[in-house]
């Protein structure tokens, strides 16, 4: 990434220059000064880049909320050439593009993007695992969920989604294990307590309380009240248009 390379180059140049000029403590101080300036340069570049990227992400979010999924996708695609400047940014962009493509019923495109998403993008990794699961590729789905949990250990929905997949696949004991893992992360979590009890009593997991974050994975259909308007989907846009006609 360019930001890292530039920071390292600045640190080396300053350290070498300090040493060659023979200042106090020469090379030892030169190394310390070089490292400090390299880190400082990296922080300054990162802050500068954040001022460029963050408004674009917000713009894409507003476009999606307005039902313009194509515009939102275009905005995110325009960010890809700039991703080479910042560490891990490309994975985050692909994560957002994958989630957007998945919501727009473009599953093949979503799969392509989500496979390039960052491991620390839990919603994207869950969406990827859900696509694998829907396509009967359970081993890939489970492997993806394991990696997602390792990178996002405090995200409770990850454990529940993984348990749901395991339970649906007939692996109740492994599903119970995931609920116990979730309770180790957050002992007082009521959802984890309830779903652990449900599994122990051979009952279906209760996922409704996770809302559209869960239903966006398309493993279960949302209740009618949640299907009325989903930003970025054709269903959501049609519903909004009908409401506008009634008001007119």
C-alpha atoms as a PDB file:
ATOM      1  CA  UNK A   1       0.000   0.000   0.000  1.00  0.00           C
ATOM      2  CA  UNK A   2       1.293   3.422  -0.986  1.00  0.00           C
ATOM      3  CA  UNK A   3       0.747   4.968   2.440  1.00  0.00           C
ATOM      4  CA  UNK A   4       3.012   2.368   4.061  1.00  0.00           C
ATOM      5  CA  UNK A   5       5.686   2.616   1.363  1.00  0.00           C
ATOM      6  CA  UNK A   6       5.796   6.403   1.550  1.00  0.00           C
ATOM      7  CA  UNK A   7       5.992   6.332   5.359  1.00  0.00           C
ATOM      8  CA  UNK A   8       8.831   3.798   5.326  1.00  0.00           C
ATOM      9  CA  UNK A   9      10.703   5.804   2.688  1.00  0.00           C
ATOM     10  CA  UNK A  10      10.395   8.996   4.743  1.00  0.00           C
ATOM     11  CA  UNK A  11      11.649   7.190   7.847  1.00  0.00           C
ATOM     12  CA  UNK A  12      14.635   5.703   6.028  1.00  0.00           C
ATOM     13  CA  UNK A  13      15.617   8.993   4.383  1.00  0.00           C
ATOM     14  CA  UNK A  14      15.435  10.937   7.653  1.00  0.00           C
ATOM     15  CA  UNK A  15      17.284   8.212   9.605  1.00  0.00           C
ATOM     16  CA  UNK A  16      20.067   7.930   7.042  1.00  0.00           C
ATOM     17  CA  UNK A  17      20.420  11.712   6.698  1.00  0.00           C
ATOM     18  CA  UNK A  18      20.629  12.140  10.482  1.00  0.00           C
ATOM     19  CA  UNK A  19      23.300   9.431  10.727  1.00  0.00           C
ATOM     20  CA  UNK A  20      25.414  10.765   7.839  1.00  0.00           C
ATOM     21  CA  UNK A  21      25.364  14.277   9.270  1.00  0.00           C
ATOM     22  CA  UNK A  22      26.892  12.856  12.470  1.00  0.00           C
ATOM     23  CA  UNK A  23      24.457  14.404  14.913  1.00  0.00           C
ATOM     24  CA  UNK A  24      24.076  13.336  18.579  1.00  0.00           C
ATOM     25  CA  UNK A  25      24.261   9.534  19.057  1.00  0.00           C
ATOM     26  CA  UNK A  26      24.454   9.225  15.239  1.00  0.00           C
ATOM     27  CA  UNK A  27      22.936   5.942  13.977  1.00  0.00           C
ATOM     28  CA  UNK A  28      21.071   4.966  17.166  1.00  0.00           C
ATOM     29  CA  UNK A  29      19.205   8.249  17.310  1.00  0.00           C
ATOM     30  CA  UNK A  30      18.817   8.149  13.541  1.00  0.00           C
ATOM     31  CA  UNK A  31      16.913   4.857  13.767  1.00  0.00           C
ATOM     32  CA  UNK A  32      14.638   6.163  16.539  1.00  0.00           C
ATOM     33  CA  UNK A  33      13.968   9.401  14.664  1.00  0.00           C
ATOM     34  CA  UNK A  34      13.311   7.500  11.426  1.00  0.00           C
ATOM     35  CA  UNK A  35      10.776   5.168  13.092  1.00  0.00           C
ATOM     36  CA  UNK A  36       8.954   8.059  14.797  1.00  0.00           C
ATOM     37  CA  UNK A  37       8.719  10.064  11.591  1.00  0.00           C
ATOM     38  CA  UNK A  38       7.600   6.995   9.602  1.00  0.00           C
ATOM     39  CA  UNK A  39       4.733   6.398  12.056  1.00  0.00           C
ATOM     40  CA  UNK A  40       3.828  10.082  12.104  1.00  0.00           C
ATOM     41  CA  UNK A  41       3.794  10.210   8.312  1.00  0.00           C
ATOM     42  CA  UNK A  42       1.553   7.130   8.146  1.00  0.00           C
ATOM     43  CA  UNK A  43      -0.949   8.647  10.616  1.00  0.00           C
ATOM     44  CA  UNK A  44      -1.053  11.957   8.719  1.00  0.00           C
ATOM     45  CA  UNK A  45      -1.555  10.231   5.359  1.00  0.00           C
ATOM     46  CA  UNK A  46      -4.280   7.987   6.827  1.00  0.00           C
ATOM     47  CA  UNK A  47      -6.155  10.977   8.227  1.00  0.00           C
ATOM     48  CA  UNK A  48      -5.893  12.788   4.918  1.00  0.00           C
ATOM     49  CA  UNK A  49      -7.183   9.760   3.031  1.00  0.00           C
ATOM     50  CA  UNK A  50     -10.054   9.319   5.503  1.00  0.00           C
ATOM     51  CA  UNK A  51     -11.285  12.795   4.554  1.00  0.00           C
ATOM     52  CA  UNK A  52     -11.447  11.596   0.952  1.00  0.00           C
ATOM     53  CA  UNK A  53     -12.981   8.148   1.514  1.00  0.00           C
ATOM     54  CA  UNK A  54     -15.530   8.778   4.261  1.00  0.00           C
ATOM     55  CA  UNK A  55     -17.699  11.239   2.278  1.00  0.00           C
ATOM     56  CA  UNK A  56     -17.813   8.713  -0.591  1.00  0.00           C
ATOM     57  CA  UNK A  57     -18.974   5.937   1.720  1.00  0.00           C
ATOM     58  CA  UNK A  58     -21.632   8.244   3.182  1.00  0.00           C
ATOM     59  CA  UNK A  59     -22.718   9.204  -0.332  1.00  0.00           C
ATOM     60  CA  UNK A  60     -23.118   5.526  -1.282  1.00  0.00           C
ATOM     61  CA  UNK A  61     -25.118   4.920   1.902  1.00  0.00           C
ATOM     62  CA  UNK A  62     -27.484   7.815   1.160  1.00  0.00           C
ATOM     63  CA  UNK A  63     -27.917   6.616  -2.429  1.00  0.00           C
ATOM     64  CA  UNK A  64     -28.795   3.149  -1.187  1.00  0.00           C
ATOM     65  CA  UNK A  65     -31.273   4.513   1.354  1.00  0.00           C
ATOM     66  CA  UNK A  66     -32.897   6.496  -1.461  1.00  0.00           C
ATOM     67  CA  UNK A  67     -33.336   3.268  -3.432  1.00  0.00           C
ATOM     68  CA  UNK A  68     -30.610   4.063  -6.007  1.00  0.00           C
ATOM     69  CA  UNK A  69     -28.628   0.846  -5.697  1.00  0.00           C
ATOM     70  CA  UNK A  70     -26.989   1.287  -9.131  1.00  0.00           C
ATOM     71  CA  UNK A  71     -25.674   4.742  -8.168  1.00  0.00           C
ATOM     72  CA  UNK A  72     -24.436   3.403  -4.830  1.00  0.00           C
ATOM     73  CA  UNK A  73     -22.586   0.578  -6.579  1.00  0.00           C
ATOM     74  CA  UNK A  74     -21.032   3.048  -9.023  1.00  0.00           C
ATOM     75  CA  UNK A  75     -19.860   5.258  -6.160  1.00  0.00           C
ATOM     76  CA  UNK A  76     -18.172   2.301  -4.473  1.00  0.00           C
ATOM     77  CA  UNK A  77     -16.577   1.108  -7.714  1.00  0.00           C
ATOM     78  CA  UNK A  78     -15.014   4.550  -8.173  1.00  0.00           C
ATOM     79  CA  UNK A  79     -13.244   4.080  -4.838  1.00  0.00           C
ATOM     80  CA  UNK A  80     -11.427   0.888  -5.892  1.00  0.00           C
ATOM     81  CA  UNK A  81      -8.533   2.617  -7.758  1.00  0.00           C
ATOM     82  CA  UNK A  82      -7.876   4.678  -4.618  1.00  0.00           C
ATOM     83  CA  UNK A  83      -7.794   1.603  -2.353  1.00  0.00           C
ATOM     84  CA  UNK A  84      -4.112   1.023  -3.117  1.00  0.00           C
ATOM     85  CA  UNK A  85      -3.341   4.028  -0.935  1.00  0.00           C
ATOM     86  CA  UNK A  86      -4.772   2.653   2.310  1.00  0.00           C
ATOM     87  CA  UNK A  87      -4.290  -0.596   4.221  1.00  0.00           C
ATOM     88  CA  UNK A  88      -7.277  -3.016   4.140  1.00  0.00           C
ATOM     89  CA  UNK A  89      -9.494  -0.491   2.365  1.00  0.00           C
ATOM     90  CA  UNK A  90      -9.993  -2.676  -0.718  1.00  0.00           C
ATOM     91  CA  UNK A  91     -11.446  -5.480   1.420  1.00  0.00           C
ATOM     92  CA  UNK A  92     -13.902  -3.062   3.021  1.00  0.00           C
ATOM     93  CA  UNK A  93     -15.005  -1.696  -0.366  1.00  0.00           C
ATOM     94  CA  UNK A  94     -15.561  -5.193  -1.726  1.00  0.00           C
ATOM     95  CA  UNK A  95     -17.509  -6.025   1.429  1.00  0.00           C
ATOM     96  CA  UNK A  96     -19.922  -3.140   0.838  1.00  0.00           C
ATOM     97  CA  UNK A  97     -20.209  -3.926  -2.881  1.00  0.00           C
ATOM     98  CA  UNK A  98     -20.905  -7.582  -2.124  1.00  0.00           C
ATOM     99  CA  UNK A  99     -23.628  -6.789   0.399  1.00  0.00           C
ATOM    100  CA  UNK A 100     -25.205  -4.359  -2.069  1.00  0.00           C
ATOM    101  CA  UNK A 101     -25.103  -6.884  -4.932  1.00  0.00           C
ATOM    102  CA  UNK A 102     -26.617  -9.529  -2.662  1.00  0.00           C
ATOM    103  CA  UNK A 103     -29.464  -7.198  -1.671  1.00  0.00           C
ATOM    104  CA  UNK A 104     -30.042  -6.471  -5.376  1.00  0.00           C
ATOM    105  CA  UNK A 105     -30.534 -10.192  -6.134  1.00  0.00           C
ATOM    106  CA  UNK A 106     -27.236 -10.409  -8.066  1.00  0.00           C
ATOM    107  CA  UNK A 107     -25.941 -13.465  -6.267  1.00  0.00           C
ATOM    108  CA  UNK A 108     -23.116 -14.414  -8.651  1.00  0.00           C
ATOM    109  CA  UNK A 109     -21.739 -10.880  -8.560  1.00  0.00           C
ATOM    110  CA  UNK A 110     -22.191 -10.783  -4.788  1.00  0.00           C
ATOM    111  CA  UNK A 111     -20.191 -14.008  -4.453  1.00  0.00           C
ATOM    112  CA  UNK A 112     -17.366 -12.556  -6.532  1.00  0.00           C
ATOM    113  CA  UNK A 113     -17.157  -9.426  -4.383  1.00  0.00           C
ATOM    114  CA  UNK A 114     -17.725 -11.082  -1.007  1.00  0.00           C
ATOM    115  CA  UNK A 115     -14.907 -13.559  -1.578  1.00  0.00           C
ATOM    116  CA  UNK A 116     -12.595 -10.521  -1.771  1.00  0.00           C
ATOM    117  CA  UNK A 117     -14.061  -8.866   1.333  1.00  0.00           C
ATOM    118  CA  UNK A 118     -12.065  -8.182   4.483  1.00  0.00           C
ATOM    119  CA  UNK A 119     -12.097 -10.808   7.222  1.00  0.00           C
ATOM    120  CA  UNK A 120     -13.004  -8.044   9.674  1.00  0.00           C
ATOM    121  CA  UNK A 121     -16.219  -7.246   7.801  1.00  0.00           C
ATOM    122  CA  UNK A 122     -18.611  -9.578   9.692  1.00  0.00           C
ATOM    123  CA  UNK A 123     -21.780  -8.795   7.705  1.00  0.00           C
ATOM    124  CA  UNK A 124     -19.978  -9.473   4.436  1.00  0.00           C
ATOM    125  CA  UNK A 125     -18.445 -12.738   5.666  1.00  0.00           C
ATOM    126  CA  UNK A 126     -21.846 -13.915   6.953  1.00  0.00           C
ATOM    127  CA  UNK A 127     -23.404 -13.049   3.598  1.00  0.00           C
ATOM    128  CA  UNK A 128     -20.680 -15.054   1.857  1.00  0.00           C
ATOM    129  CA  UNK A 129     -21.249 -18.059   4.127  1.00  0.00           C
ATOM    130  CA  UNK A 130     -25.013 -17.777   3.592  1.00  0.00           C
ATOM    131  CA  UNK A 131     -24.571 -17.928  -0.193  1.00  0.00           C
ATOM    132  CA  UNK A 132     -22.389 -21.018   0.160  1.00  0.00           C
ATOM    133  CA  UNK A 133     -24.979 -22.573   2.463  1.00  0.00           C
ATOM    134  CA  UNK A 134     -27.878 -21.831   0.114  1.00  0.00           C
ATOM    135  CA  UNK A 135     -25.864 -23.450  -2.668  1.00  0.00           C
ATOM    136  CA  UNK A 136     -25.424 -26.601  -0.543  1.00  0.00           C
ATOM    137  CA  UNK A 137     -21.679 -25.983  -0.124  1.00  0.00           C
ATOM    138  CA  UNK A 138     -21.859 -26.492   3.632  1.00  0.00           C
ATOM    139  CA  UNK A 139     -18.157 -27.209   4.211  1.00  0.00           C
ATOM    140  CA  UNK A 140     -17.205 -23.874   2.613  1.00  0.00           C
ATOM    141  CA  UNK A 141     -19.963 -22.107   4.554  1.00  0.00           C
ATOM    142  CA  UNK A 142     -18.762 -23.507   7.885  1.00  0.00           C
ATOM    143  CA  UNK A 143     -15.126 -22.696   7.116  1.00  0.00           C
ATOM    144  CA  UNK A 144     -16.109 -19.128   6.244  1.00  0.00           C
ATOM    145  CA  UNK A 145     -18.037 -18.753   9.511  1.00  0.00           C
ATOM    146  CA  UNK A 146     -15.121 -20.086  11.563  1.00  0.00           C
ATOM    147  CA  UNK A 147     -12.772 -17.525   9.995  1.00  0.00           C
ATOM    148  CA  UNK A 148     -15.343 -14.757  10.452  1.00  0.00           C
ATOM    149  CA  UNK A 149     -15.640 -15.546  14.168  1.00  0.00           C
ATOM    150  CA  UNK A 150     -11.855 -15.604  14.600  1.00  0.00           C
ATOM    151  CA  UNK A 151     -11.676 -12.118  13.116  1.00  0.00           C
ATOM    152  CA  UNK A 152     -14.751 -10.729  14.913  1.00  0.00           C
ATOM    153  CA  UNK A 153     -15.047 -12.612  18.210  1.00  0.00           C
ATOM    154  CA  UNK A 154     -17.399 -10.107  19.858  1.00  0.00           C
ATOM    155  CA  UNK A 155     -20.024 -10.160  17.090  1.00  0.00           C
ATOM    156  CA  UNK A 156     -22.779 -12.249  18.676  1.00  0.00           C
ATOM    157  CA  UNK A 157     -24.849 -12.709  15.509  1.00  0.00           C
ATOM    158  CA  UNK A 158     -21.961 -14.642  13.944  1.00  0.00           C
ATOM    159  CA  UNK A 159     -22.350 -17.413  16.532  1.00  0.00           C
ATOM    160  CA  UNK A 160     -26.120 -17.530  16.099  1.00  0.00           C
ATOM    161  CA  UNK A 161     -25.931 -17.597  12.297  1.00  0.00           C
ATOM    162  CA  UNK A 162     -23.342 -20.368  12.454  1.00  0.00           C
ATOM    163  CA  UNK A 163     -25.478 -22.306  14.944  1.00  0.00           C
ATOM    164  CA  UNK A 164     -28.509 -21.876  12.665  1.00  0.00           C
ATOM    165  CA  UNK A 165     -26.584 -23.354   9.726  1.00  0.00           C
ATOM    166  CA  UNK A 166     -25.261 -26.234  11.807  1.00  0.00           C
ATOM    167  CA  UNK A 167     -28.701 -26.960  13.240  1.00  0.00           C
ATOM    168  CA  UNK A 168     -30.328 -26.873   9.809  1.00  0.00           C
ATOM    169  CA  UNK A 169     -27.608 -29.270   8.631  1.00  0.00           C
ATOM    170  CA  UNK A 170     -28.496 -31.670  11.472  1.00  0.00           C
ATOM    171  CA  UNK A 171     -25.437 -30.918  13.651  1.00  0.00           C
ATOM    172  CA  UNK A 172     -27.282 -29.976  16.845  1.00  0.00           C
ATOM    173  CA  UNK A 173     -24.332 -30.702  19.142  1.00  0.00           C
ATOM    174  CA  UNK A 174     -22.064 -28.376  17.166  1.00  0.00           C
ATOM    175  CA  UNK A 175     -24.806 -25.748  17.119  1.00  0.00           C
ATOM    176  CA  UNK A 176     -25.018 -25.952  20.917  1.00  0.00           C
ATOM    177  CA  UNK A 177     -21.253 -25.501  21.044  1.00  0.00           C
ATOM    178  CA  UNK A 178     -21.589 -22.209  19.139  1.00  0.00           C
ATOM    179  CA  UNK A 179     -24.150 -20.910  21.624  1.00  0.00           C
ATOM    180  CA  UNK A 180     -21.811 -21.761  24.463  1.00  0.00           C
ATOM    181  CA  UNK A 181     -19.033 -19.906  22.681  1.00  0.00           C
ATOM    182  CA  UNK A 182     -21.353 -16.902  22.365  1.00  0.00           C
ATOM    183  CA  UNK A 183     -22.103 -16.982  26.086  1.00  0.00           C
ATOM    184  CA  UNK A 184     -18.388 -16.978  26.868  1.00  0.00           C
ATOM    185  CA  UNK A 185     -18.159 -13.710  24.951  1.00  0.00           C
ATOM    186  CA  UNK A 186     -21.261 -12.183  26.579  1.00  0.00           C
ATOM    187  CA  UNK A 187     -22.551 -14.157  29.557  1.00  0.00           C
ATOM    188  CA  UNK A 188     -25.732 -12.124  30.040  1.00  0.00           C
ATOM    189  CA  UNK A 189     -26.898 -12.152  26.410  1.00  0.00           C
ATOM    190  CA  UNK A 190     -30.560 -13.166  26.433  1.00  0.00           C
ATOM    191  CA  UNK A 191     -30.613 -14.253  22.784  1.00  0.00           C
ATOM    192  CA  UNK A 192     -27.764 -16.685  23.383  1.00  0.00           C
ATOM    193  CA  UNK A 193     -29.401 -18.069  26.536  1.00  0.00           C
ATOM    194  CA  UNK A 194     -32.735 -18.531  24.768  1.00  0.00           C
ATOM    195  CA  UNK A 195     -31.278 -20.166  21.670  1.00  0.00           C
ATOM    196  CA  UNK A 196     -29.081 -22.482  23.729  1.00  0.00           C
ATOM    197  CA  UNK A 197     -32.178 -23.637  25.609  1.00  0.00           C
ATOM    198  CA  UNK A 198     -34.079 -24.063  22.351  1.00  0.00           C
ATOM    199  CA  UNK A 199     -31.350 -26.238  20.875  1.00  0.00           C
ATOM    200  CA  UNK A 200     -31.161 -28.338  24.025  1.00  0.00           C
ATOM    201  CA  UNK A 201     -34.898 -28.930  23.698  1.00  0.00           C
ATOM    202  CA  UNK A 202     -34.710 -29.716  19.958  1.00  0.00           C
ATOM    203  CA  UNK A 203     -36.531 -26.518  19.030  1.00  0.00           C
ATOM    204  CA  UNK A 204     -35.952 -24.119  16.156  1.00  0.00           C
ATOM    205  CA  UNK A 205     -33.634 -21.161  16.805  1.00  0.00           C
ATOM    206  CA  UNK A 206     -35.312 -17.779  17.356  1.00  0.00           C
ATOM    207  CA  UNK A 207     -33.574 -15.275  15.066  1.00  0.00           C
ATOM    208  CA  UNK A 208     -36.242 -12.576  14.730  1.00  0.00           C
ATOM    209  CA  UNK A 209     -34.705 -10.322  17.373  1.00  0.00           C
ATOM    210  CA  UNK A 210     -31.658  -9.779  15.126  1.00  0.00           C
ATOM    211  CA  UNK A 211     -33.918  -8.034  12.625  1.00  0.00           C
ATOM    212  CA  UNK A 212     -32.935  -7.282   9.041  1.00  0.00           C
ATOM    213  CA  UNK A 213     -29.273  -7.916   9.824  1.00  0.00           C
ATOM    214  CA  UNK A 214     -30.284 -11.583  10.000  1.00  0.00           C
ATOM    215  CA  UNK A 215     -32.941 -11.614   7.294  1.00  0.00           C
ATOM    216  CA  UNK A 216     -30.559  -9.910   4.854  1.00  0.00           C
ATOM    217  CA  UNK A 217     -28.692 -13.235   4.745  1.00  0.00           C
ATOM    218  CA  UNK A 218     -31.758 -14.756   3.011  1.00  0.00           C
ATOM    219  CA  UNK A 219     -31.679 -17.898   5.112  1.00  0.00           C
ATOM    220  CA  UNK A 220     -35.148 -17.152   6.463  1.00  0.00           C
ATOM    221  CA  UNK A 221     -37.910 -14.946   5.083  1.00  0.00           C
ATOM    222  CA  UNK A 222     -38.589 -11.805   7.132  1.00  0.00           C
ATOM    223  CA  UNK A 223     -42.072 -11.276   8.568  1.00  0.00           C
ATOM    224  CA  UNK A 224     -44.465  -9.176   6.482  1.00  0.00           C
ATOM    225  CA  UNK A 225     -43.893  -6.105   8.663  1.00  0.00           C
ATOM    226  CA  UNK A 226     -40.188  -6.115   7.772  1.00  0.00           C
ATOM    227  CA  UNK A 227     -40.791  -6.709   4.058  1.00  0.00           C
ATOM    228  CA  UNK A 228     -42.690  -3.466   3.568  1.00  0.00           C
ATOM    229  CA  UNK A 229     -39.609  -1.432   2.838  1.00  0.00           C
ATOM    230  CA  UNK A 230     -36.051  -2.646   2.417  1.00  0.00           C
ATOM    231  CA  UNK A 231     -33.685   0.068   1.109  1.00  0.00           C
ATOM    232  CA  UNK A 232     -31.864  -0.816  -2.085  1.00  0.00           C
ATOM    233  CA  UNK A 233     -34.183  -3.642  -3.176  1.00  0.00           C
ATOM    234  CA  UNK A 234     -36.734  -3.672  -5.989  1.00  0.00           C
ATOM    235  CA  UNK A 235     -39.432  -4.652  -3.479  1.00  0.00           C
ATOM    236  CA  UNK A 236     -38.576  -1.663  -1.314  1.00  0.00           C
ATOM    237  CA  UNK A 237     -38.651   0.738  -4.251  1.00  0.00           C
ATOM    238  CA  UNK A 238     -42.023  -0.548  -5.483  1.00  0.00           C
ATOM    239  CA  UNK A 239     -43.503  -0.243  -1.981  1.00  0.00           C
ATOM    240  CA  UNK A 240     -42.286   3.312  -1.658  1.00  0.00           C
ATOM    241  CA  UNK A 241     -43.652   4.231  -5.090  1.00  0.00           C
ATOM    242  CA  UNK A 242     -47.090   2.830  -4.144  1.00  0.00           C
ATOM    243  CA  UNK A 243     -47.087   4.885  -0.958  1.00  0.00           C
ATOM    244  CA  UNK A 244     -46.187   8.029  -2.886  1.00  0.00           C
ATOM    245  CA  UNK A 245     -49.055   7.420  -5.354  1.00  0.00           C
ATOM    246  CA  UNK A 246     -51.538   7.058  -2.492  1.00  0.00           C
ATOM    247  CA  UNK A 247     -50.361  10.326  -0.970  1.00  0.00           C
ATOM    248  CA  UNK A 248     -50.645  12.003  -4.372  1.00  0.00           C
END
